[in-house]
Amino acid sequence: MASTGEHVYQNGQQVDASNHTLTCPGCNATITEAHNWNAGQITVAPTCLAEGKKVYTCTKCTATKEETVAKVAH
């Protein structure tokens, strides 16, 4: 939730890979802002044979992004 003066923005909706919109439920005003990524979660652990994957989720909408995690040494 974001607040600017009299508006309380919430209910994030993904616009694209970089941005989302937030809406003020009192008046339906909207703002667009950049995603705010969390710390991420390893979804596939890396091994010495294969890279892993880490998924980040925006804290204000449902957007996700994926990052490759380097192989680990023996």
PDB file of N, CA and C in Angstrom:
ATOM      1  N   MET A   1       0.842  -1.161   0.000  1.00  0.00           N
ATOM      2  CA  MET A   1       0.000   0.000   0.000  1.00  0.00           C
ATOM      3  C   MET A   1       0.896   1.235   0.000  1.00  0.00           C
ATOM      4  N   ALA A   2       0.555   2.196  -0.819  1.00  0.00           N
ATOM      5  CA  ALA A   2       1.298   3.448  -0.886  1.00  0.00           C
ATOM      6  C   ALA A   2       0.340   4.598  -0.588  1.00  0.00           C
ATOM      7  N   SER A   3       0.820   5.614   0.066  1.00  0.00           N
ATOM      8  CA  SER A   3      -0.024   6.752   0.397  1.00  0.00           C
ATOM      9  C   SER A   3       0.631   8.032  -0.088  1.00  0.00           C
ATOM     10  N   THR A   4      -0.158   8.857  -0.788  1.00  0.00           N
ATOM     11  CA  THR A   4       0.329  10.168  -1.223  1.00  0.00           C
ATOM     12  C   THR A   4      -0.756  11.184  -0.905  1.00  0.00           C
ATOM     13  N   GLY A   5      -0.587  11.914   0.167  1.00  0.00           N
ATOM     14  CA  GLY A   5      -1.586  12.907   0.538  1.00  0.00           C
ATOM     15  C   GLY A   5      -2.896  12.255   0.922  1.00  0.00           C
ATOM     16  N   GLU A   6      -3.949  12.564   0.175  1.00  0.00           N
ATOM     17  CA  GLU A   6      -5.284  12.058   0.503  1.00  0.00           C
ATOM     18  C   GLU A   6      -5.571  10.674  -0.092  1.00  0.00           C
ATOM     19  N   HIS A   7      -4.725  10.175  -0.979  1.00  0.00           N
ATOM     20  CA  HIS A   7      -4.953   8.877  -1.607  1.00  0.00           C
ATOM     21  C   HIS A   7      -4.231   7.766  -0.851  1.00  0.00           C
ATOM     22  N   VAL A   8      -4.859   6.612  -0.786  1.00  0.00           N
ATOM     23  CA  VAL A   8      -4.241   5.410  -0.254  1.00  0.00           C
ATOM     24  C   VAL A   8      -4.284   4.397  -1.385  1.00  0.00           C
ATOM     25  N   TYR A   9      -3.132   4.177  -2.025  1.00  0.00           N
ATOM     26  CA  TYR A   9      -3.078   3.317  -3.195  1.00  0.00           C
ATOM     27  C   TYR A   9      -2.825   1.867  -2.792  1.00  0.00           C
ATOM     28  N   GLN A  10      -3.564   0.959  -3.426  1.00  0.00           N
ATOM     29  CA  GLN A  10      -3.434  -0.467  -3.143  1.00  0.00           C
ATOM     30  C   GLN A  10      -3.884  -1.268  -4.358  1.00  0.00           C
ATOM     31  N   ASN A  11      -4.008  -2.576  -4.202  1.00  0.00           N
ATOM     32  CA  ASN A  11      -4.487  -3.459  -5.269  1.00  0.00           C
ATOM     33  C   ASN A  11      -3.658  -3.326  -6.543  1.00  0.00           C
ATOM     34  N   GLY A  12      -2.373  -3.615  -6.437  1.00  0.00           N
ATOM     35  CA  GLY A  12      -1.469  -3.508  -7.577  1.00  0.00           C
ATOM     36  C   GLY A  12      -1.841  -4.444  -8.718  1.00  0.00           C
ATOM     37  N   GLN A  13      -1.746  -3.936  -9.927  1.00  0.00           N
ATOM     38  CA  GLN A  13      -1.987  -4.709 -11.144  1.00  0.00           C
ATOM     39  C   GLN A  13      -0.772  -4.563 -12.047  1.00  0.00           C
ATOM     40  N   GLN A  14      -0.221  -5.694 -12.479  1.00  0.00           N
ATOM     41  CA  GLN A  14       0.959  -5.665 -13.342  1.00  0.00           C
ATOM     42  C   GLN A  14       0.623  -5.004 -14.672  1.00  0.00           C
ATOM     43  N   VAL A  15       1.492  -4.070 -15.110  1.00  0.00           N
ATOM     44  CA  VAL A  15       1.363  -3.409 -16.407  1.00  0.00           C
ATOM     45  C   VAL A  15       2.282  -4.087 -17.413  1.00  0.00           C
ATOM     46  N   ASP A  16       3.544  -4.276 -17.009  1.00  0.00           N
ATOM     47  CA  ASP A  16       4.548  -4.911 -17.860  1.00  0.00           C
ATOM     48  C   ASP A  16       5.653  -5.462 -16.966  1.00  0.00           C
ATOM     49  N   ALA A  17       6.755  -5.866 -17.567  1.00  0.00           N
ATOM     50  CA  ALA A  17       7.845  -6.478 -16.803  1.00  0.00           C
ATOM     51  C   ALA A  17       8.491  -5.511 -15.806  1.00  0.00           C
ATOM     52  N   SER A  18       8.292  -4.219 -15.981  1.00  0.00           N
ATOM     53  CA  SER A  18       8.950  -3.238 -15.121  1.00  0.00           C
ATOM     54  C   SER A  18       8.017  -2.484 -14.179  1.00  0.00           C
ATOM     55  N   ASN A  19       6.725  -2.428 -14.488  1.00  0.00           N
ATOM     56  CA  ASN A  19       5.809  -1.541 -13.763  1.00  0.00           C
ATOM     57  C   ASN A  19       4.492  -2.201 -13.387  1.00  0.00           C
ATOM     58  N   HIS A  20       3.804  -1.560 -12.414  1.00  0.00           N
ATOM     59  CA  HIS A  20       2.445  -1.927 -12.056  1.00  0.00           C
ATOM     60  C   HIS A  20       1.667  -0.643 -11.776  1.00  0.00           C
ATOM     61  N   THR A  21       0.351  -0.754 -11.722  1.00  0.00           N
ATOM     62  CA  THR A  21      -0.486   0.372 -11.320  1.00  0.00           C
ATOM     63  C   THR A  21      -1.081   0.060  -9.956  1.00  0.00           C
ATOM     64  N   LEU A  22      -1.301   1.094  -9.186  1.00  0.00           N
ATOM     65  CA  LEU A  22      -1.980   0.998  -7.905  1.00  0.00           C
ATOM     66  C   LEU A  22      -3.207   1.905  -7.976  1.00  0.00           C
ATOM     67  N   THR A  23      -4.289   1.499  -7.317  1.00  0.00           N
ATOM     68  CA  THR A  23      -5.546   2.233  -7.378  1.00  0.00           C
ATOM     69  C   THR A  23      -5.972   2.669  -5.986  1.00  0.00           C
ATOM     70  N   CYS A  24      -6.488   3.890  -5.881  1.00  0.00           N
ATOM     71  CA  CYS A  24      -7.076   4.384  -4.639  1.00  0.00           C
ATOM     72  C   CYS A  24      -8.532   3.937  -4.635  1.00  0.00           C
ATOM     73  N   PRO A  25      -8.947   3.082  -3.684  1.00  0.00           N
ATOM     74  CA  PRO A  25     -10.313   2.591  -3.705  1.00  0.00           C
ATOM     75  C   PRO A  25     -11.364   3.670  -3.429  1.00  0.00           C
ATOM     76  N   GLY A  26     -10.966   4.756  -2.804  1.00  0.00           N
ATOM     77  CA  GLY A  26     -11.909   5.826  -2.497  1.00  0.00           C
ATOM     78  C   GLY A  26     -12.357   6.617  -3.716  1.00  0.00           C
ATOM     79  N   CYS A  27     -11.461   6.796  -4.705  1.00  0.00           N
ATOM     80  CA  CYS A  27     -11.798   7.634  -5.857  1.00  0.00           C
ATOM     81  C   CYS A  27     -11.376   7.035  -7.187  1.00  0.00           C
ATOM     82  N   ASN A  28     -10.772   5.849  -7.152  1.00  0.00           N
ATOM     83  CA  ASN A  28     -10.297   5.146  -8.358  1.00  0.00           C
ATOM     84  C   ASN A  28      -9.142   5.846  -9.074  1.00  0.00           C
ATOM     85  N   ALA A  29      -8.469   6.785  -8.406  1.00  0.00           N
ATOM     86  CA  ALA A  29      -7.265   7.378  -8.996  1.00  0.00           C
ATOM     87  C   ALA A  29      -6.200   6.292  -9.083  1.00  0.00           C
ATOM     88  N   THR A  30      -5.351   6.351 -10.102  1.00  0.00           N
ATOM     89  CA  THR A  30      -4.298   5.353 -10.249  1.00  0.00           C
ATOM     90  C   THR A  30      -2.939   6.019 -10.398  1.00  0.00           C
ATOM     91  N   ILE A  31      -1.906   5.277 -10.004  1.00  0.00           N
ATOM     92  CA  ILE A  31      -0.528   5.681 -10.246  1.00  0.00           C
ATOM     93  C   ILE A  31       0.202   4.472 -10.830  1.00  0.00           C
ATOM     94  N   THR A  32       1.225   4.741 -11.615  1.00  0.00           N
ATOM     95  CA  THR A  32       2.073   3.685 -12.151  1.00  0.00           C
ATOM     96  C   THR A  32       3.451   3.858 -11.550  1.00  0.00           C
ATOM     97  N   GLU A  33       4.023   2.747 -11.082  1.00  0.00           N
ATOM     98  CA  GLU A  33       5.352   2.796 -10.487  1.00  0.00           C
ATOM     99  C   GLU A  33       6.095   1.504 -10.786  1.00  0.00           C
ATOM    100  N   ALA A  34       7.395   1.520 -10.548  1.00  0.00           N
ATOM    101  CA  ALA A  34       8.245   0.354 -10.793  1.00  0.00           C
ATOM    102  C   ALA A  34       7.943  -0.746  -9.776  1.00  0.00           C
ATOM    103  N   HIS A  35       8.152  -2.000 -10.200  1.00  0.00           N
ATOM    104  CA  HIS A  35       7.983  -3.121  -9.286  1.00  0.00           C
ATOM    105  C   HIS A  35       8.939  -2.989  -8.111  1.00  0.00           C
ATOM    106  N   ASN A  36       8.532  -3.531  -6.983  1.00  0.00           N
ATOM    107  CA  ASN A  36       9.331  -3.561  -5.765  1.00  0.00           C
ATOM    108  C   ASN A  36       9.591  -5.039  -5.457  1.00  0.00           C
ATOM    109  N   TRP A  37      10.726  -5.567  -5.925  1.00  0.00           N
ATOM    110  CA  TRP A  37      11.009  -7.000  -5.833  1.00  0.00           C
ATOM    111  C   TRP A  37      11.397  -7.416  -4.426  1.00  0.00           C
ATOM    112  N   ASN A  38      10.903  -8.588  -3.996  1.00  0.00           N
ATOM    113  CA  ASN A  38      11.302  -9.146  -2.701  1.00  0.00           C
ATOM    114  C   ASN A  38      12.701  -9.748  -2.825  1.00  0.00           C
ATOM    115  N   ALA A  39      13.172 -10.408  -1.776  1.00  0.00           N
ATOM    116  CA  ALA A  39      14.527 -10.980  -1.763  1.00  0.00           C
ATOM    117  C   ALA A  39      14.667 -12.203  -2.666  1.00  0.00           C
ATOM    118  N   GLY A  40      13.575 -12.767  -3.100  1.00  0.00           N
ATOM    119  CA  GLY A  40      13.615 -13.913  -3.999  1.00  0.00           C
ATOM    120  C   GLY A  40      13.660 -15.237  -3.262  1.00  0.00           C
ATOM    121  N   GLN A  41      13.261 -16.288  -3.986  1.00  0.00           N
ATOM    122  CA  GLN A  41      13.249 -17.633  -3.421  1.00  0.00           C
ATOM    123  C   GLN A  41      13.842 -18.591  -4.442  1.00  0.00           C
ATOM    124  N   ILE A  42      14.767 -19.422  -3.991  1.00  0.00           N
ATOM    125  CA  ILE A  42      15.342 -20.448  -4.866  1.00  0.00           C
ATOM    126  C   ILE A  42      14.254 -21.481  -5.144  1.00  0.00           C
ATOM    127  N   THR A  43      13.921 -21.685  -6.421  1.00  0.00           N
ATOM    128  CA  THR A  43      12.910 -22.682  -6.787  1.00  0.00           C
ATOM    129  C   THR A  43      13.547 -23.943  -7.349  1.00  0.00           C
ATOM    130  N   VAL A  44      14.758 -23.811  -7.886  1.00  0.00           N
ATOM    131  CA  VAL A  44      15.542 -24.958  -8.344  1.00  0.00           C
ATOM    132  C   VAL A  44      16.957 -24.735  -7.820  1.00  0.00           C
ATOM    133  N   ALA A  45      17.399 -25.618  -6.944  1.00  0.00           N
ATOM    134  CA  ALA A  45      18.729 -25.472  -6.354  1.00  0.00           C
ATOM    135  C   ALA A  45      19.805 -25.780  -7.403  1.00  0.00           C
ATOM    136  N   PRO A  46      20.871 -24.973  -7.437  1.00  0.00           N
ATOM    137  CA  PRO A  46      21.956 -25.258  -8.370  1.00  0.00           C
ATOM    138  C   PRO A  46      22.761 -26.471  -7.908  1.00  0.00           C
ATOM    139  N   THR A  47      23.332 -27.161  -8.847  1.00  0.00           N
ATOM    140  CA  THR A  47      24.218 -28.291  -8.542  1.00  0.00           C
ATOM    141  C   THR A  47      25.522 -28.060  -9.294  1.00  0.00           C
ATOM    142  N   CYS A  48      26.434 -29.017  -9.205  1.00  0.00           N
ATOM    143  CA  CYS A  48      27.683 -28.891  -9.958  1.00  0.00           C
ATOM    144  C   CYS A  48      27.452 -29.172 -11.445  1.00  0.00           C
ATOM    145  N   LEU A  49      26.309 -29.736 -11.793  1.00  0.00           N
ATOM    146  CA  LEU A  49      26.011 -30.063 -13.184  1.00  0.00           C
ATOM    147  C   LEU A  49      25.021 -29.109 -13.839  1.00  0.00           C
ATOM    148  N   ALA A  50      24.207 -28.444 -13.042  1.00  0.00           N
ATOM    149  CA  ALA A  50      23.158 -27.599 -13.619  1.00  0.00           C
ATOM    150  C   ALA A  50      22.962 -26.316 -12.823  1.00  0.00           C
ATOM    151  N   GLU A  51      22.599 -25.242 -13.538  1.00  0.00           N
ATOM    152  CA  GLU A  51      22.274 -23.976 -12.896  1.00  0.00           C
ATOM    153  C   GLU A  51      20.937 -24.114 -12.180  1.00  0.00           C
ATOM    154  N   GLY A  52      20.715 -23.255 -11.208  1.00  0.00           N
ATOM    155  CA  GLY A  52      19.449 -23.229 -10.492  1.00  0.00           C
ATOM    156  C   GLY A  52      18.611 -22.047 -10.952  1.00  0.00           C
ATOM    157  N   LYS A  53      17.473 -21.854 -10.293  1.00  0.00           N
ATOM    158  CA  LYS A  53      16.583 -20.735 -10.617  1.00  0.00           C
ATOM    159  C   LYS A  53      16.111 -20.081  -9.322  1.00  0.00           C
ATOM    160  N   LYS A  54      16.003 -18.751  -9.380  1.00  0.00           N
ATOM    161  CA  LYS A  54      15.500 -17.976  -8.255  1.00  0.00           C
ATOM    162  C   LYS A  54      14.363 -17.105  -8.782  1.00  0.00           C
ATOM    163  N   VAL A  55      13.245 -17.076  -8.062  1.00  0.00           N
ATOM    164  CA  VAL A  55      12.074 -16.306  -8.484  1.00  0.00           C
ATOM    165  C   VAL A  55      11.847 -15.165  -7.502  1.00  0.00           C
ATOM    166  N   TYR A  56      11.678 -13.965  -8.054  1.00  0.00           N
ATOM    167  CA  TYR A  56      11.372 -12.764  -7.276  1.00  0.00           C
ATOM    168  C   TYR A  56       9.914 -12.402  -7.528  1.00  0.00           C
ATOM    169  N   THR A  57       9.226 -11.909  -6.488  1.00  0.00           N
ATOM    170  CA  THR A  57       7.834 -11.489  -6.609  1.00  0.00           C
ATOM    171  C   THR A  57       7.729 -10.035  -6.170  1.00  0.00           C
ATOM    172  N   CYS A  58       6.973  -9.254  -6.926  1.00  0.00           N
ATOM    173  CA  CYS A  58       6.732  -7.859  -6.550  1.00  0.00           C
ATOM    174  C   CYS A  58       5.893  -7.832  -5.279  1.00  0.00           C
ATOM    175  N   THR A  59       6.261  -6.977  -4.334  1.00  0.00           N
ATOM    176  CA  THR A  59       5.547  -6.896  -3.066  1.00  0.00           C
ATOM    177  C   THR A  59       4.232  -6.133  -3.166  1.00  0.00           C
ATOM    178  N   LYS A  60       3.969  -5.512  -4.337  1.00  0.00           N
ATOM    179  CA  LYS A  60       2.747  -4.718  -4.488  1.00  0.00           C
ATOM    180  C   LYS A  60       1.783  -5.258  -5.539  1.00  0.00           C
ATOM    181  N   CYS A  61       2.228  -6.238  -6.339  1.00  0.00           N
ATOM    182  CA  CYS A  61       1.347  -6.861  -7.323  1.00  0.00           C
ATOM    183  C   CYS A  61       1.770  -8.314  -7.498  1.00  0.00           C
ATOM    184  N   THR A  62       1.241  -8.999  -8.472  1.00  0.00           N
ATOM    185  CA  THR A  62       1.526 -10.427  -8.641  1.00  0.00           C
ATOM    186  C   THR A  62       2.655 -10.714  -9.621  1.00  0.00           C
ATOM    187  N   ALA A  63       3.361  -9.691 -10.077  1.00  0.00           N
ATOM    188  CA  ALA A  63       4.437  -9.885 -11.051  1.00  0.00           C
ATOM    189  C   ALA A  63       5.566 -10.729 -10.468  1.00  0.00           C
ATOM    190  N   THR A  64       6.172 -11.543 -11.319  1.00  0.00           N
ATOM    191  CA  THR A  64       7.338 -12.320 -10.922  1.00  0.00           C
ATOM    192  C   THR A  64       8.415 -12.183 -11.988  1.00  0.00           C
ATOM    193  N   LYS A  65       9.647 -12.400 -11.575  1.00  0.00           N
ATOM    194  CA  LYS A  65      10.757 -12.476 -12.525  1.00  0.00           C
ATOM    195  C   LYS A  65      11.665 -13.604 -12.071  1.00  0.00           C
ATOM    196  N   GLU A  66      12.349 -14.209 -13.024  1.00  0.00           N
ATOM    197  CA  GLU A  66      13.196 -15.357 -12.742  1.00  0.00           C
ATOM    198  C   GLU A  66      14.646 -15.021 -13.049  1.00  0.00           C
ATOM    199  N   GLU A  67      15.552 -15.556 -12.224  1.00  0.00           N
ATOM    200  CA  GLU A  67      16.979 -15.325 -12.392  1.00  0.00           C
ATOM    201  C   GLU A  67      17.702 -16.672 -12.323  1.00  0.00           C
ATOM    202  N   THR A  68      18.714 -16.820 -13.126  1.00  0.00           N
ATOM    203  CA  THR A  68      19.525 -18.036 -13.099  1.00  0.00           C
ATOM    204  C   THR A  68      20.518 -17.953 -11.956  1.00  0.00           C
ATOM    205  N   VAL A  69      20.694 -19.061 -11.250  1.00  0.00           N
ATOM    206  CA  VAL A  69      21.659 -19.153 -10.157  1.00  0.00           C
ATOM    207  C   VAL A  69      22.819 -20.012 -10.673  1.00  0.00           C
ATOM    208  N   ALA A  70      24.034 -19.538 -10.542  1.00  0.00           N
ATOM    209  CA  ALA A  70      25.213 -20.220 -11.073  1.00  0.00           C
ATOM    210  C   ALA A  70      25.392 -21.611 -10.459  1.00  0.00           C
ATOM    211  N   LYS A  71      25.992 -22.489 -11.260  1.00  0.00           N
ATOM    212  CA  LYS A  71      26.336 -23.824 -10.774  1.00  0.00           C
ATOM    213  C   LYS A  71      27.244 -23.699  -9.556  1.00  0.00           C
ATOM    214  N   VAL A  72      27.218 -24.703  -8.697  1.00  0.00           N
ATOM    215  CA  VAL A  72      28.086 -24.705  -7.527  1.00  0.00           C
ATOM    216  C   VAL A  72      29.326 -25.547  -7.820  1.00  0.00           C
ATOM    217  N   ALA A  73      30.422 -25.230  -7.159  1.00  0.00           N
ATOM    218  CA  ALA A  73      31.669 -25.970  -7.355  1.00  0.00           C
ATOM    219  C   ALA A  73      31.598 -27.296  -6.615  1.00  0.00           C
ATOM    220  N   HIS A  74      32.447 -28.213  -7.008  1.00  0.00           N
ATOM    221  CA  HIS A  74      32.515 -29.513  -6.333  1.00  0.00           C
ATOM    222  C   HIS A  74      33.074 -29.353  -4.959  1.00  0.00           C
TER     223      HIS A  74
END
